[in-house]
N, C-alpha and C. Protein backbone atom coordinates (compact mmCIF):
# COMPACT_ATOMS: atom_id res chain seq x y z
N MET A 1 0.49 7.75 9.18
CA MET A 1 1.11 6.58 8.44
C MET A 1 0.68 5.32 8.36
N ARG A 2 1.55 4.85 7.06
CA ARG A 2 0.87 3.51 7.13
C ARG A 2 2.18 2.12 7.46
N PHE A 3 3.24 1.54 6.98
CA PHE A 3 4.55 1.13 7.57
C PHE A 3 4.59 -0.16 7.10
N LYS A 4 5.12 -0.67 6.10
CA LYS A 4 6.15 -2.04 6.00
C LYS A 4 7.91 -2.16 5.99
N ILE A 5 8.00 -3.00 6.73
CA ILE A 5 8.81 -3.52 7.03
C ILE A 5 9.58 -4.23 6.46
N ASP A 6 11.08 -3.72 6.11
CA ASP A 6 11.41 -5.25 5.36
C ASP A 6 12.13 -5.50 5.41
N GLU A 7 12.33 -7.45 5.37
CA GLU A 7 13.20 -9.11 5.67
C GLU A 7 14.11 -8.42 6.43
N ASN A 8 14.52 -6.98 5.90
CA ASN A 8 16.38 -6.28 5.98
C ASN A 8 16.13 -6.28 6.93
N LEU A 9 16.04 -5.96 7.96
CA LEU A 9 15.18 -5.50 9.15
C LEU A 9 14.65 -5.81 10.70
N PRO A 10 15.03 -5.54 12.18
CA PRO A 10 14.86 -6.02 12.79
C PRO A 10 13.02 -6.20 13.17
N ASP A 11 12.27 -7.01 13.12
CA ASP A 11 10.90 -7.02 14.11
C ASP A 11 10.79 -5.96 14.68
N GLU A 12 10.86 -5.93 15.33
CA GLU A 12 11.52 -4.62 16.56
C GLU A 12 11.16 -3.34 16.57
N LEU A 13 11.72 -3.26 15.14
CA LEU A 13 11.30 -1.79 14.18
C LEU A 13 9.19 -1.49 14.31
N SER A 14 9.18 -2.42 13.36
CA SER A 14 7.70 -2.68 13.70
C SER A 14 7.03 -2.25 14.56
N MET A 15 7.08 -3.21 16.07
CA MET A 15 6.63 -3.09 17.36
C MET A 15 6.59 -2.00 17.68
N MET A 16 8.04 -0.93 17.31
CA MET A 16 8.66 0.34 18.04
C MET A 16 7.36 1.69 17.00
N LEU A 17 7.23 1.32 15.95
CA LEU A 17 6.79 1.98 15.29
C LEU A 17 5.20 2.13 15.91
N ARG A 18 4.14 0.42 16.61
CA ARG A 18 3.18 0.30 16.33
C ARG A 18 2.63 1.75 17.41
N GLU A 19 4.27 1.00 18.52
CA GLU A 19 3.72 1.73 20.20
C GLU A 19 3.92 3.11 19.52
N ASN A 20 4.33 3.52 18.93
CA ASN A 20 3.64 5.61 18.69
C ASN A 20 2.72 5.19 18.01
N GLY A 21 2.20 4.90 17.77
CA GLY A 21 0.67 4.54 17.57
C GLY A 21 -0.16 4.73 15.77
N TRP A 22 1.27 4.23 15.27
CA TRP A 22 1.37 3.73 13.71
C TRP A 22 1.32 2.27 13.27
N ASP A 23 0.71 2.08 12.53
CA ASP A 23 0.14 0.48 11.64
C ASP A 23 1.33 0.37 10.99
N SER A 24 1.84 -0.82 11.64
CA SER A 24 3.36 -1.28 10.92
C SER A 24 3.13 -2.38 11.10
N LYS A 25 3.48 -3.24 9.01
CA LYS A 25 3.49 -4.70 9.18
C LYS A 25 4.72 -4.75 8.55
N THR A 26 5.48 -6.22 8.36
CA THR A 26 6.70 -6.63 8.24
C THR A 26 6.39 -7.41 7.28
N ILE A 27 7.38 -7.32 5.97
CA ILE A 27 6.76 -8.86 4.64
C ILE A 27 7.05 -9.75 5.53
N VAL A 28 6.93 -10.28 6.09
CA VAL A 28 7.84 -11.76 6.94
C VAL A 28 6.85 -11.92 7.18
N GLU A 29 6.55 -10.81 8.60
CA GLU A 29 4.85 -11.88 9.48
C GLU A 29 4.20 -11.75 7.51
N GLN A 30 3.97 -11.00 7.05
CA GLN A 30 3.23 -11.34 5.47
C GLN A 30 3.29 -11.85 4.09
N ASP A 31 4.81 -13.05 5.36
CA ASP A 31 4.33 -14.06 4.31
C ASP A 31 4.94 -13.74 3.19
N ILE A 32 5.89 -12.88 2.56
CA ILE A 32 6.49 -12.15 1.23
C ILE A 32 7.87 -12.28 0.67
N SER A 33 8.56 -12.69 2.19
CA SER A 33 9.81 -12.84 2.09
C SER A 33 10.84 -13.60 1.00
N GLY A 34 11.77 -12.58 0.80
CA GLY A 34 12.01 -13.03 -0.83
C GLY A 34 11.43 -12.14 -2.19
N ALA A 35 10.35 -11.65 -1.63
CA ALA A 35 9.68 -10.57 -3.70
C ALA A 35 10.62 -9.41 -4.37
N ASP A 36 10.70 -9.59 -5.60
CA ASP A 36 11.79 -8.55 -5.80
C ASP A 36 11.23 -7.69 -5.49
N ASP A 37 11.84 -6.65 -6.11
CA ASP A 37 11.63 -5.09 -5.00
C ASP A 37 10.89 -3.81 -5.62
N PRO A 38 10.24 -4.98 -7.69
CA PRO A 38 9.05 -4.71 -7.97
C PRO A 38 7.65 -4.72 -7.61
N ARG A 39 8.08 -5.70 -7.08
CA ARG A 39 6.87 -6.78 -6.31
C ARG A 39 6.36 -5.96 -5.47
N VAL A 40 7.46 -5.82 -3.67
CA VAL A 40 7.63 -4.93 -2.48
C VAL A 40 6.79 -3.59 -3.17
N ALA A 41 6.73 -3.22 -4.20
CA ALA A 41 6.70 -1.98 -4.67
C ALA A 41 5.37 -2.19 -4.38
N ALA A 42 4.79 -2.96 -4.89
CA ALA A 42 3.44 -3.39 -5.61
C ALA A 42 2.76 -2.96 -4.55
N ILE A 43 2.91 -3.94 -3.03
CA ILE A 43 2.42 -4.42 -2.31
C ILE A 43 2.05 -3.43 -1.77
N CYS A 44 3.44 -2.49 -1.58
CA CYS A 44 3.28 -1.90 -0.47
C CYS A 44 2.12 -0.54 -1.36
N ASP A 45 2.66 -0.16 -2.94
CA ASP A 45 0.93 0.94 -1.96
C ASP A 45 -0.42 0.50 -3.21
N GLY A 46 -0.12 -1.35 -3.21
CA GLY A 46 -1.79 -1.48 -2.47
C GLY A 46 -2.59 -1.51 -1.16
N GLU A 47 -1.59 -0.83 -0.06
CA GLU A 47 -1.59 -1.35 0.35
C GLU A 47 -1.92 0.10 1.59
N ASP A 48 -0.53 1.13 0.83
CA ASP A 48 -0.38 2.60 1.06
C ASP A 48 0.31 2.45 2.61
N ARG A 49 1.07 1.71 1.90
CA ARG A 49 1.60 2.37 3.35
C ARG A 49 3.98 1.76 2.84
N ILE A 50 4.19 2.91 3.60
CA ILE A 50 5.28 3.29 3.35
C ILE A 50 6.67 2.62 3.43
N LEU A 51 7.75 1.95 2.42
CA LEU A 51 8.32 0.96 2.79
C LEU A 51 9.71 1.27 3.54
N ILE A 52 9.90 1.27 4.47
CA ILE A 52 11.41 0.33 5.25
C ILE A 52 12.29 0.01 5.90
N THR A 53 12.89 0.25 4.84
CA THR A 53 14.28 -0.94 3.69
C THR A 53 16.18 -0.38 4.16
N PHE A 54 16.95 -1.37 3.96
CA PHE A 54 17.78 -1.44 4.12
C PHE A 54 18.62 -1.16 2.63
N ASP A 55 17.56 -1.63 1.73
CA ASP A 55 17.75 -1.61 0.17
C ASP A 55 18.20 -0.57 -1.03
N MET A 56 18.79 0.24 -0.56
CA MET A 56 19.65 0.93 -1.82
C MET A 56 18.77 1.25 -2.79
N GLY A 57 18.04 0.23 -3.70
CA GLY A 57 17.89 0.06 -4.95
C GLY A 57 16.25 1.21 -5.15
N PHE A 58 16.43 0.57 -2.97
CA PHE A 58 14.97 2.11 -3.67
C PHE A 58 14.95 3.39 -3.38
N ALA A 59 15.86 3.72 -3.66
CA ALA A 59 16.58 5.40 -3.23
C ALA A 59 17.14 6.21 -4.55
N ASN A 60 16.58 5.07 -5.66
CA ASN A 60 17.00 5.26 -7.14
C ASN A 60 15.14 6.23 -7.81
N ILE A 61 14.83 6.88 -7.58
CA ILE A 61 13.95 8.10 -7.16
C ILE A 61 13.62 7.51 -9.79
N ARG A 62 13.90 6.90 -10.17
CA ARG A 62 13.95 6.90 -11.51
C ARG A 62 13.14 6.18 -11.87
N ALA A 63 13.54 4.92 -10.41
CA ALA A 63 13.19 3.67 -10.68
C ALA A 63 11.95 3.62 -9.51
N TYR A 64 11.81 4.68 -8.70
CA TYR A 64 10.75 4.42 -8.37
C TYR A 64 10.43 5.65 -7.66
N PRO A 65 9.55 6.66 -8.28
CA PRO A 65 9.83 7.87 -7.96
C PRO A 65 8.58 8.42 -6.83
N THR A 66 8.90 8.93 -6.29
CA THR A 66 8.19 9.22 -5.17
C THR A 66 6.52 10.00 -5.37
N ALA A 67 5.97 10.81 -6.63
CA ALA A 67 4.72 11.02 -6.54
C ALA A 67 3.57 10.15 -6.88
N ASP A 68 4.77 8.94 -6.48
CA ASP A 68 3.83 7.34 -7.71
C ASP A 68 4.06 5.65 -6.62
N HIS A 69 4.73 6.49 -5.51
CA HIS A 69 4.55 5.22 -4.60
C HIS A 69 4.52 6.63 -3.26
N PRO A 70 3.45 5.77 -2.15
CA PRO A 70 3.72 5.87 -0.40
C PRO A 70 5.41 7.08 0.22
N GLY A 71 5.98 6.68 -0.21
CA GLY A 71 6.90 7.02 0.75
C GLY A 71 8.29 5.36 0.86
N TYR A 72 9.84 5.72 1.05
CA TYR A 72 10.76 5.23 1.28
C TYR A 72 11.26 5.25 2.53
N ILE A 73 12.02 5.12 2.75
CA ILE A 73 12.57 5.37 4.12
C ILE A 73 13.86 4.10 3.87
N VAL A 74 14.98 4.82 3.81
CA VAL A 74 16.34 3.65 3.11
C VAL A 74 16.98 4.58 4.32
N PHE A 75 17.46 2.92 5.27
CA PHE A 75 18.87 2.93 5.91
C PHE A 75 20.31 2.38 4.90
N ARG A 76 21.01 3.69 5.52
CA ARG A 76 22.67 3.85 4.37
C ARG A 76 22.99 3.62 6.33
N LEU A 77 23.28 2.90 7.07
CA LEU A 77 23.78 3.12 7.99
C LEU A 77 25.50 2.11 7.68
N ALA A 78 26.71 3.07 7.94
CA ALA A 78 28.33 2.50 8.92
C ALA A 78 27.59 0.67 8.92
N ARG A 79 27.19 0.24 10.70
CA ARG A 79 26.41 -0.84 10.97
C ARG A 79 25.27 -1.11 10.80
N GLN A 80 25.50 -2.74 10.63
CA GLN A 80 23.89 -2.80 10.73
C GLN A 80 22.76 -4.23 12.21
N ASP A 81 23.94 -3.75 12.89
CA ASP A 81 24.11 -4.29 14.42
C ASP A 81 21.75 -4.27 14.58
N LYS A 82 21.84 -5.19 15.32
CA LYS A 82 19.91 -4.31 15.65
C LYS A 82 20.47 -4.35 16.63
N PRO A 83 21.53 -3.20 17.43
CA PRO A 83 21.26 -2.51 19.10
C PRO A 83 21.20 -1.29 17.40
N HIS A 84 23.05 -0.84 16.98
CA HIS A 84 22.52 0.02 16.33
C HIS A 84 21.21 1.04 15.73
N VAL A 85 21.24 -0.05 15.39
CA VAL A 85 20.80 -0.25 13.65
C VAL A 85 18.87 0.43 14.15
N LEU A 86 18.62 -0.18 15.55
CA LEU A 86 17.11 0.15 16.31
C LEU A 86 17.59 1.32 17.40
N ARG A 87 18.53 1.63 17.82
CA ARG A 87 18.90 3.40 18.71
C ARG A 87 18.75 4.18 17.09
N VAL A 88 18.99 3.59 16.04
CA VAL A 88 18.58 5.11 14.82
C VAL A 88 17.70 5.08 14.42
N ALA A 89 17.33 3.68 14.85
CA ALA A 89 15.49 4.14 14.05
C ALA A 89 14.54 4.77 15.54
N ALA A 90 15.05 4.82 16.18
CA ALA A 90 14.02 5.44 17.87
C ALA A 90 14.85 7.52 17.68
N HIS A 91 15.56 7.48 16.73
CA HIS A 91 16.14 8.83 15.92
C HIS A 91 14.50 9.31 15.45
N VAL A 92 14.84 7.94 14.01
CA VAL A 92 13.82 8.70 13.32
C VAL A 92 12.22 8.80 13.45
N VAL A 93 11.97 7.72 14.27
CA VAL A 93 10.40 7.64 14.65
C VAL A 93 10.60 8.68 15.61
N ALA A 94 11.35 9.68 16.58
CA ALA A 94 10.54 10.85 17.04
C ALA A 94 11.11 11.86 16.23
N LYS A 95 11.49 12.02 14.90
CA LYS A 95 11.38 12.61 14.04
C LYS A 95 10.28 12.78 13.27
N LEU A 96 9.40 11.73 13.01
CA LEU A 96 7.90 11.76 12.45
C LEU A 96 7.59 12.08 13.44
N ARG A 97 7.75 11.31 14.08
CA ARG A 97 6.22 12.51 15.01
C ARG A 97 5.80 14.54 15.02
N ASP A 98 6.61 14.42 14.42
CA ASP A 98 7.50 15.63 14.46
C ASP A 98 6.33 16.57 12.64
N ARG A 99 6.58 15.52 12.01
CA ARG A 99 5.77 16.19 10.82
C ARG A 99 5.89 14.07 10.40
N GLY A 100 4.89 14.70 8.87
CA GLY A 100 3.76 13.22 8.49
C GLY A 100 4.76 13.55 7.36
N LEU A 101 4.82 12.02 6.74
CA LEU A 101 5.75 12.20 5.43
C LEU A 101 4.40 11.27 4.02
N ARG A 102 4.76 11.87 3.00
CA ARG A 102 3.52 11.55 2.02
C ARG A 102 5.10 11.43 0.83
N ASN A 103 4.73 11.01 -0.12
CA ASN A 103 5.61 10.16 -1.00
C ASN A 103 6.65 11.20 -1.24
N GLU A 104 7.16 11.22 -0.30
CA GLU A 104 8.69 10.99 -0.42
C GLU A 104 9.83 10.84 -0.05
N LEU A 105 11.73 10.24 -0.26
CA LEU A 105 12.14 9.53 0.25
C LEU A 105 12.73 10.18 1.57
N CYS A 106 13.35 9.08 1.93
CA CYS A 106 13.67 10.02 3.40
C CYS A 106 15.08 8.85 2.77
N VAL A 107 16.76 9.91 2.75
CA VAL A 107 17.80 8.57 3.51
C VAL A 107 17.96 8.60 4.63
N VAL A 108 19.08 7.73 5.56
CA VAL A 108 18.90 7.72 6.75
C VAL A 108 20.18 7.29 6.68
N ASP A 109 21.12 7.94 7.40
CA ASP A 109 22.47 7.82 7.64
C ASP A 109 22.33 8.03 9.55
N GLU A 110 23.66 7.67 10.11
CA GLU A 110 24.05 8.12 11.67
C GLU A 110 23.55 9.13 12.12
N GLY A 111 24.49 9.98 11.46
CA GLY A 111 23.78 11.53 11.53
C GLY A 111 22.94 12.46 11.06
N ARG A 112 22.08 11.84 10.38
CA ARG A 112 20.51 12.79 9.65
C ARG A 112 19.96 11.82 8.20
N ILE A 113 18.90 13.06 8.17
CA ILE A 113 18.30 11.97 7.86
C ILE A 113 18.27 13.17 5.97
N ARG A 114 17.88 12.55 5.08
CA ARG A 114 17.80 13.55 3.58
C ARG A 114 16.79 12.68 3.60
N ILE A 115 16.10 14.30 2.61
CA ILE A 115 14.21 13.76 1.64
C ILE A 115 14.39 13.86 1.04
N ARG A 116 13.10 13.75 -0.10
CA ARG A 116 13.40 14.30 -1.26
C ARG A 116 12.27 13.79 -1.42
N TRP A 117 11.39 14.89 -2.47
CA TRP A 117 9.93 14.82 -2.98
C TRP A 117 9.67 14.67 -3.87
């Protein structure tokens, strides 16, 4: 799987994914910080990357239908401090090892991962 980490998430998440054998790039390292949602989606589509973000706009399946995109993982956490985000992300990474993602929307909170396709 290939991932794109939005600028609103810690860079360490990209490193965590790489350490687990996946291809991961960040918005910041690709110098597209501040790009609007449609442009970010188009870039992810072109690179065949699943976007990981806090931006709930990507959870709108009418605007971003899962069949038309590689996929989205949207974090919806009560706290967004780096240690908390990375703890939850480690749980998500462990779950990803058990299953692949393709054309799915995953909404992640502290207690669960909801998946829509």
